[in-house]
């Protein structure tokens, strides 16, 4: 049996979690004080994912903005984070940019779009 210790990020409590695994399967999760902790632990040890945040260049802004904040529209596999950042490194978008606009479709081949999180005129 393998034991992994995590700190839950499902809510502000930050519970210390202990995940027991056998043959790559979760046998038990302890330490959580809410159901979100157990769900987080199971996902984190079997298929960790993250939302990626960054910025991309803006061309033609009337307000002088040179970049817009952006994020993945949903979580991507943790192992694809650096590929995602590399994929958007050379991206630039034309102003105006609106919240939710796709700044890079299918980032790093994940099937997830990178979207703007701010308005830039």
C-alpha atoms as a PDB file:
ATOM      1  CA  UNK A   1       0.000   0.000   0.000  1.00  0.00           C
ATOM      2  CA  UNK A   2       1.078   3.537  -0.775  1.00  0.00           C
ATOM      3  CA  UNK A   3       0.143   6.556   1.334  1.00  0.00           C
ATOM      4  CA  UNK A   4       0.099  10.119  -0.031  1.00  0.00           C
ATOM      5  CA  UNK A   5      -0.340  13.224   2.105  1.00  0.00           C
ATOM      6  CA  UNK A   6      -2.021  16.310   0.619  1.00  0.00           C
ATOM      7  CA  UNK A   7      -3.424  19.600   1.771  1.00  0.00           C
ATOM      8  CA  UNK A   8      -6.946  20.082   0.493  1.00  0.00           C
ATOM      9  CA  UNK A   9      -7.652  23.164  -1.636  1.00  0.00           C
ATOM     10  CA  UNK A  10     -11.385  22.464  -2.021  1.00  0.00           C
ATOM     11  CA  UNK A  11     -12.351  25.072   0.572  1.00  0.00           C
ATOM     12  CA  UNK A  12     -10.614  27.573   2.874  1.00  0.00           C
ATOM     13  CA  UNK A  13     -10.123  25.044   5.704  1.00  0.00           C
ATOM     14  CA  UNK A  14      -7.038  23.420   4.113  1.00  0.00           C
ATOM     15  CA  UNK A  15      -7.542  20.002   5.699  1.00  0.00           C
ATOM     16  CA  UNK A  16      -4.554  17.648   5.851  1.00  0.00           C
ATOM     17  CA  UNK A  17      -5.550  14.624   3.762  1.00  0.00           C
ATOM     18  CA  UNK A  18      -4.128  11.132   3.764  1.00  0.00           C
ATOM     19  CA  UNK A  19      -4.811   9.038   0.668  1.00  0.00           C
ATOM     20  CA  UNK A  20      -4.182   5.312   0.773  1.00  0.00           C
ATOM     21  CA  UNK A  21      -3.672   3.646  -2.599  1.00  0.00           C
ATOM     22  CA  UNK A  22      -3.224   0.076  -3.736  1.00  0.00           C
ATOM     23  CA  UNK A  23      -2.328  -0.893  -7.317  1.00  0.00           C
ATOM     24  CA  UNK A  24      -3.007   2.668  -8.505  1.00  0.00           C
ATOM     25  CA  UNK A  25      -6.509   2.702  -7.010  1.00  0.00           C
ATOM     26  CA  UNK A  26      -7.657   4.887  -4.112  1.00  0.00           C
ATOM     27  CA  UNK A  27      -8.558   2.690  -1.144  1.00  0.00           C
ATOM     28  CA  UNK A  28      -9.361   5.435   1.358  1.00  0.00           C
ATOM     29  CA  UNK A  29      -9.225   9.160   2.023  1.00  0.00           C
ATOM     30  CA  UNK A  30      -9.022  10.468   5.583  1.00  0.00           C
ATOM     31  CA  UNK A  31      -8.642  13.895   7.173  1.00  0.00           C
ATOM     32  CA  UNK A  32     -11.288  15.677   5.128  1.00  0.00           C
ATOM     33  CA  UNK A  33     -14.051  17.512   6.953  1.00  0.00           C
ATOM     34  CA  UNK A  34     -16.317  17.838   3.903  1.00  0.00           C
ATOM     35  CA  UNK A  35     -17.110  15.758   0.812  1.00  0.00           C
ATOM     36  CA  UNK A  36     -15.155  18.159  -1.413  1.00  0.00           C
ATOM     37  CA  UNK A  37     -11.952  17.061   0.307  1.00  0.00           C
ATOM     38  CA  UNK A  38     -12.447  13.414  -0.576  1.00  0.00           C
ATOM     39  CA  UNK A  39     -13.314  14.283  -4.187  1.00  0.00           C
ATOM     40  CA  UNK A  40     -10.279  16.579  -4.488  1.00  0.00           C
ATOM     41  CA  UNK A  41      -7.931  13.929  -3.070  1.00  0.00           C
ATOM     42  CA  UNK A  42      -9.193  11.189  -5.395  1.00  0.00           C
ATOM     43  CA  UNK A  43      -8.805  13.399  -8.460  1.00  0.00           C
ATOM     44  CA  UNK A  44      -5.433  14.825  -7.410  1.00  0.00           C
ATOM     45  CA  UNK A  45      -3.769  11.419  -7.018  1.00  0.00           C
ATOM     46  CA  UNK A  46      -5.298   9.811 -10.114  1.00  0.00           C
ATOM     47  CA  UNK A  47      -5.701  12.640 -12.653  1.00  0.00           C
ATOM     48  CA  UNK A  48      -4.383  16.037 -11.481  1.00  0.00           C
ATOM     49  CA  UNK A  49      -5.581  19.043 -13.462  1.00  0.00           C
ATOM     50  CA  UNK A  50      -5.128  22.805 -13.251  1.00  0.00           C
ATOM     51  CA  UNK A  51      -6.522  26.077 -14.607  1.00  0.00           C
ATOM     52  CA  UNK A  52      -3.679  28.011 -16.266  1.00  0.00           C
ATOM     53  CA  UNK A  53      -3.587  31.804 -16.075  1.00  0.00           C
ATOM     54  CA  UNK A  54      -1.319  34.079 -18.098  1.00  0.00           C
ATOM     55  CA  UNK A  55      -1.321  37.121 -20.381  1.00  0.00           C
ATOM     56  CA  UNK A  56      -1.145  37.660 -24.149  1.00  0.00           C
ATOM     57  CA  UNK A  57      -0.121  40.707 -26.145  1.00  0.00           C
ATOM     58  CA  UNK A  58      -2.735  43.179 -27.383  1.00  0.00           C
ATOM     59  CA  UNK A  59      -2.260  45.169 -30.593  1.00  0.00           C
ATOM     60  CA  UNK A  60      -4.124  48.398 -31.321  1.00  0.00           C
ATOM     61  CA  UNK A  61      -5.452  49.257 -27.884  1.00  0.00           C
ATOM     62  CA  UNK A  62      -6.906  52.768 -27.594  1.00  0.00           C
ATOM     63  CA  UNK A  63      -6.159  52.791 -23.849  1.00  0.00           C
ATOM     64  CA  UNK A  64      -2.488  51.944 -24.173  1.00  0.00           C
ATOM     65  CA  UNK A  65      -2.872  48.406 -22.824  1.00  0.00           C
ATOM     66  CA  UNK A  66      -0.177  46.073 -24.108  1.00  0.00           C
ATOM     67  CA  UNK A  67      -1.508  42.796 -22.667  1.00  0.00           C
ATOM     68  CA  UNK A  68      -4.715  41.117 -21.562  1.00  0.00           C
ATOM     69  CA  UNK A  69      -5.094  38.565 -18.802  1.00  0.00           C
ATOM     70  CA  UNK A  70      -6.338  35.154 -19.852  1.00  0.00           C
ATOM     71  CA  UNK A  71      -7.004  31.658 -18.522  1.00  0.00           C
ATOM     72  CA  UNK A  72      -7.898  28.219 -19.751  1.00  0.00           C
ATOM     73  CA  UNK A  73     -11.673  27.870 -20.133  1.00  0.00           C
ATOM     74  CA  UNK A  74     -11.502  24.726 -17.984  1.00  0.00           C
ATOM     75  CA  UNK A  75      -8.845  22.691 -16.270  1.00  0.00           C
ATOM     76  CA  UNK A  76      -6.164  20.885 -18.273  1.00  0.00           C
ATOM     77  CA  UNK A  77      -3.906  17.959 -17.350  1.00  0.00           C
ATOM     78  CA  UNK A  78      -1.196  19.114 -14.947  1.00  0.00           C
ATOM     79  CA  UNK A  79       1.477  17.694 -17.244  1.00  0.00           C
ATOM     80  CA  UNK A  80       0.401  20.055 -20.053  1.00  0.00           C
ATOM     81  CA  UNK A  81       0.933  23.321 -18.113  1.00  0.00           C
ATOM     82  CA  UNK A  82       4.332  24.168 -19.616  1.00  0.00           C
ATOM     83  CA  UNK A  83       3.174  23.199 -23.126  1.00  0.00           C
ATOM     84  CA  UNK A  84       0.183  25.511 -22.653  1.00  0.00           C
ATOM     85  CA  UNK A  85       2.347  28.456 -21.612  1.00  0.00           C
ATOM     86  CA  UNK A  86       4.765  27.793 -24.488  1.00  0.00           C
ATOM     87  CA  UNK A  87       1.853  27.617 -26.960  1.00  0.00           C
ATOM     88  CA  UNK A  88       0.606  31.104 -26.057  1.00  0.00           C
ATOM     89  CA  UNK A  89       4.049  32.721 -25.812  1.00  0.00           C
ATOM     90  CA  UNK A  90       3.865  34.231 -29.311  1.00  0.00           C
ATOM     91  CA  UNK A  91       0.132  34.943 -29.375  1.00  0.00           C
ATOM     92  CA  UNK A  92      -1.157  38.474 -29.869  1.00  0.00           C
ATOM     93  CA  UNK A  93      -4.747  39.627 -30.282  1.00  0.00           C
ATOM     94  CA  UNK A  94      -6.295  42.712 -31.860  1.00  0.00           C
ATOM     95  CA  UNK A  95      -8.178  45.168 -29.665  1.00  0.00           C
ATOM     96  CA  UNK A  96     -10.938  45.329 -28.678  1.00  0.00           C
ATOM     97  CA  UNK A  97     -10.870  42.225 -26.498  1.00  0.00           C
ATOM     98  CA  UNK A  98     -13.866  41.194 -24.405  1.00  0.00           C
ATOM     99  CA  UNK A  99     -14.151  38.885 -21.419  1.00  0.00           C
ATOM    100  CA  UNK A 100     -14.612  35.347 -22.729  1.00  0.00           C
ATOM    101  CA  UNK A 101     -13.078  35.986 -26.152  1.00  0.00           C
ATOM    102  CA  UNK A 102     -10.954  33.053 -27.312  1.00  0.00           C
ATOM    103  CA  UNK A 103      -7.346  34.206 -27.548  1.00  0.00           C
ATOM    104  CA  UNK A 104      -6.013  30.739 -28.493  1.00  0.00           C
ATOM    105  CA  UNK A 105      -8.219  27.800 -29.461  1.00  0.00           C
ATOM    106  CA  UNK A 106      -7.277  24.260 -28.417  1.00  0.00           C
ATOM    107  CA  UNK A 107      -4.233  25.403 -26.452  1.00  0.00           C
ATOM    108  CA  UNK A 108      -1.403  22.828 -26.539  1.00  0.00           C
ATOM    109  CA  UNK A 109      -3.719  20.263 -28.107  1.00  0.00           C
ATOM    110  CA  UNK A 110      -5.749  19.930 -24.914  1.00  0.00           C
ATOM    111  CA  UNK A 111      -9.117  20.644 -26.525  1.00  0.00           C
ATOM    112  CA  UNK A 112      -9.463  23.611 -24.143  1.00  0.00           C
ATOM    113  CA  UNK A 113      -9.475  27.251 -25.279  1.00  0.00           C
ATOM    114  CA  UNK A 114      -7.504  30.070 -23.681  1.00  0.00           C
ATOM    115  CA  UNK A 115      -9.960  32.921 -23.022  1.00  0.00           C
ATOM    116  CA  UNK A 116      -9.614  36.594 -22.080  1.00  0.00           C
ATOM    117  CA  UNK A 117     -10.513  37.527 -18.512  1.00  0.00           C
ATOM    118  CA  UNK A 118     -10.525  41.308 -18.974  1.00  0.00           C
ATOM    119  CA  UNK A 119     -11.876  43.934 -21.341  1.00  0.00           C
ATOM    120  CA  UNK A 120      -9.297  45.850 -23.397  1.00  0.00           C
ATOM    121  CA  UNK A 121     -10.349  48.594 -25.798  1.00  0.00           C
END
